[in-house]
């Protein structure tokens, strides 16, 4: 589905990667079912069964929200509400040697313009938890139904 001229598209994913990570343990630890679970050395599989290069490291990825027009700030706040007291587990993971924890934020719009604002309290949540923030911008002609990018690990 291509975006209308005035439409905006937002995606937020919590991604945890690292050789020292056992991604099969994270669903029970964080209370979130991953959209992608990748084991180092296993081939990555596309949506239509296409096989890609093997994962270079372990990957656990959870996509927040379903309304593509809900902005970054709302999605990040929603993610932290969903995590509740388990935010401390995320904080522990962020401090673990050999494990990277990030919020991956993708954005596109039908006219190639736009953006979003992160409030100070949202930025504080990221800092206090030790999460990195990755912003990825997509061209206006992107097919948003296929735009979820899992990353390169």
Protein backbone atom coordinates (compact mmCIF):
# COMPACT_ATOMS: atom_id res chain seq x y z
CA UNK A 1 0.00 0.00 0.00
CA UNK A 2 1.55 3.30 -1.09
CA UNK A 3 1.07 6.37 1.10
CA UNK A 4 -1.32 9.16 0.14
CA UNK A 5 0.30 12.58 -0.36
CA UNK A 6 -0.50 13.79 3.20
CA UNK A 7 -0.15 10.45 5.02
CA UNK A 8 2.65 9.63 7.47
CA UNK A 9 3.94 6.21 8.45
CA UNK A 10 5.70 5.39 11.73
CA UNK A 11 7.21 2.14 13.04
CA UNK A 12 8.90 1.54 16.41
CA UNK A 13 10.68 -1.69 17.25
CA UNK A 14 12.55 -2.73 20.34
CA UNK A 15 15.63 -4.63 19.13
CA UNK A 16 18.04 -6.57 21.26
CA UNK A 17 21.13 -8.08 19.66
CA UNK A 18 24.41 -9.68 20.62
CA UNK A 19 26.51 -12.81 20.60
CA UNK A 20 26.14 -13.05 24.40
CA UNK A 21 22.35 -12.93 24.16
CA UNK A 22 20.00 -15.91 24.37
CA UNK A 23 17.02 -14.47 22.46
CA UNK A 24 14.79 -17.44 23.31
CA UNK A 25 14.68 -16.24 26.95
CA UNK A 26 13.50 -12.69 26.26
CA UNK A 27 9.79 -13.31 25.70
CA UNK A 28 9.32 -14.57 29.25
CA UNK A 29 11.77 -12.02 30.67
CA UNK A 30 10.09 -8.99 29.05
CA UNK A 31 6.54 -10.30 28.60
CA UNK A 32 6.56 -9.42 24.89
CA UNK A 33 6.21 -11.84 21.99
CA UNK A 34 8.91 -11.10 19.39
CA UNK A 35 8.09 -10.39 15.77
CA UNK A 36 11.55 -11.65 14.83
CA UNK A 37 13.77 -14.13 16.63
CA UNK A 38 17.11 -14.74 14.95
CA UNK A 39 19.82 -17.16 16.02
CA UNK A 40 23.41 -16.44 15.01
CA UNK A 41 24.41 -18.62 12.04
CA UNK A 42 20.85 -19.56 11.04
CA UNK A 43 19.55 -18.23 7.71
CA UNK A 44 17.24 -15.23 7.76
CA UNK A 45 13.88 -15.97 6.17
CA UNK A 46 11.79 -13.42 4.27
CA UNK A 47 8.01 -13.08 4.38
CA UNK A 48 7.51 -15.21 1.26
CA UNK A 49 9.95 -17.90 2.39
CA UNK A 50 12.95 -16.41 0.61
CA UNK A 51 16.21 -17.29 2.35
CA UNK A 52 18.82 -14.60 3.08
CA UNK A 53 22.33 -14.58 4.55
CA UNK A 54 22.64 -16.05 8.06
CA UNK A 55 22.24 -13.90 11.15
CA UNK A 56 25.62 -12.44 12.12
CA UNK A 57 24.53 -12.26 15.77
CA UNK A 58 21.49 -13.17 17.87
CA UNK A 59 18.43 -10.94 17.38
CA UNK A 60 15.18 -10.40 19.24
CA UNK A 61 12.82 -7.76 17.83
CA UNK A 62 9.38 -6.59 18.97
CA UNK A 63 7.29 -4.13 16.93
CA UNK A 64 5.13 -1.76 18.96
CA UNK A 65 1.66 -0.73 17.87
CA UNK A 66 -0.50 -1.39 14.88
CA UNK A 67 -1.75 2.04 13.79
CA UNK A 68 0.91 3.27 11.37
CA UNK A 69 -0.09 6.91 11.98
CA UNK A 70 0.54 6.81 15.76
CA UNK A 71 3.79 8.77 16.18
CA UNK A 72 7.09 7.79 17.77
CA UNK A 73 6.40 9.39 21.14
CA UNK A 74 3.04 7.63 21.58
CA UNK A 75 4.48 4.28 20.52
CA UNK A 76 7.47 4.56 22.83
CA UNK A 77 5.23 5.53 25.76
CA UNK A 78 2.96 2.59 24.90
CA UNK A 79 5.94 0.21 24.85
CA UNK A 80 7.11 1.35 28.28
CA UNK A 81 3.56 1.00 29.68
CA UNK A 82 3.40 -2.53 28.25
CA UNK A 83 6.75 -3.38 29.87
CA UNK A 84 5.65 -2.03 33.26
CA UNK A 85 7.96 -3.22 36.04
CA UNK A 86 9.93 -5.27 33.50
CA UNK A 87 11.67 -2.07 32.39
CA UNK A 88 14.29 -3.01 35.00
CA UNK A 89 15.06 -6.16 32.96
CA UNK A 90 15.54 -4.01 29.88
CA UNK A 91 17.85 -1.76 31.89
CA UNK A 92 19.86 -4.81 33.02
CA UNK A 93 20.12 -6.06 29.43
CA UNK A 94 21.30 -2.62 28.26
CA UNK A 95 24.14 -2.77 30.79
CA UNK A 96 25.20 -6.30 29.76
CA UNK A 97 28.55 -6.59 27.97
CA UNK A 98 28.07 -7.83 24.40
CA UNK A 99 24.34 -6.97 24.24
CA UNK A 100 22.93 -3.97 22.36
CA UNK A 101 19.43 -2.65 23.06
CA UNK A 102 17.86 -0.08 20.77
CA UNK A 103 14.61 1.50 19.74
CA UNK A 104 14.49 1.41 15.96
CA UNK A 105 12.19 4.12 14.58
CA UNK A 106 11.20 4.16 10.90
CA UNK A 107 9.39 7.06 9.22
CA UNK A 108 8.00 7.90 5.80
CA UNK A 109 5.39 10.23 4.36
CA UNK A 110 3.54 10.45 1.09
CA UNK A 111 5.10 13.79 0.19
CA UNK A 112 8.59 13.12 1.59
CA UNK A 113 8.18 15.70 4.37
CA UNK A 114 7.39 15.54 8.07
CA UNK A 115 8.67 14.13 11.29
CA UNK A 116 7.77 13.79 14.93
CA UNK A 117 8.71 15.18 18.33
CA UNK A 118 9.94 13.20 21.33
CA UNK A 119 8.98 14.82 24.63
CA UNK A 120 11.62 15.25 27.36
CA UNK A 121 9.93 12.62 29.57
CA UNK A 122 10.12 10.11 26.72
CA UNK A 123 13.79 10.87 26.12
CA UNK A 124 14.39 10.43 29.87
CA UNK A 125 12.86 6.94 29.70
CA UNK A 126 15.35 6.03 26.98
CA UNK A 127 18.31 7.49 28.85
CA UNK A 128 17.33 5.92 32.19
CA UNK A 129 16.91 2.52 30.53
CA UNK A 130 20.13 2.78 28.51
CA UNK A 131 18.47 2.35 25.11
CA UNK A 132 20.00 3.65 21.90
CA UNK A 133 17.70 5.41 19.45
CA UNK A 134 18.00 4.62 15.74
CA UNK A 135 16.09 6.71 13.20
CA UNK A 136 15.54 5.38 9.69
CA UNK A 137 13.86 7.45 7.00
CA UNK A 138 12.17 5.86 3.99
CA UNK A 139 11.45 7.46 0.61
CA UNK A 140 7.91 8.66 -0.20
CA UNK A 141 7.35 5.89 -2.75
CA UNK A 142 7.88 3.05 -0.27
CA UNK A 143 5.31 0.25 -0.09
CA UNK A 144 4.51 0.46 3.65
CA UNK A 145 3.09 -3.07 3.76
CA UNK A 146 6.61 -4.39 3.11
CA UNK A 147 8.56 -1.66 4.90
CA UNK A 148 9.30 -3.35 8.22
CA UNK A 149 13.05 -3.79 8.09
CA UNK A 150 14.55 -6.22 10.55
CA UNK A 151 18.08 -4.89 10.40
CA UNK A 152 21.32 -6.49 9.39
CA UNK A 153 22.51 -8.59 12.33
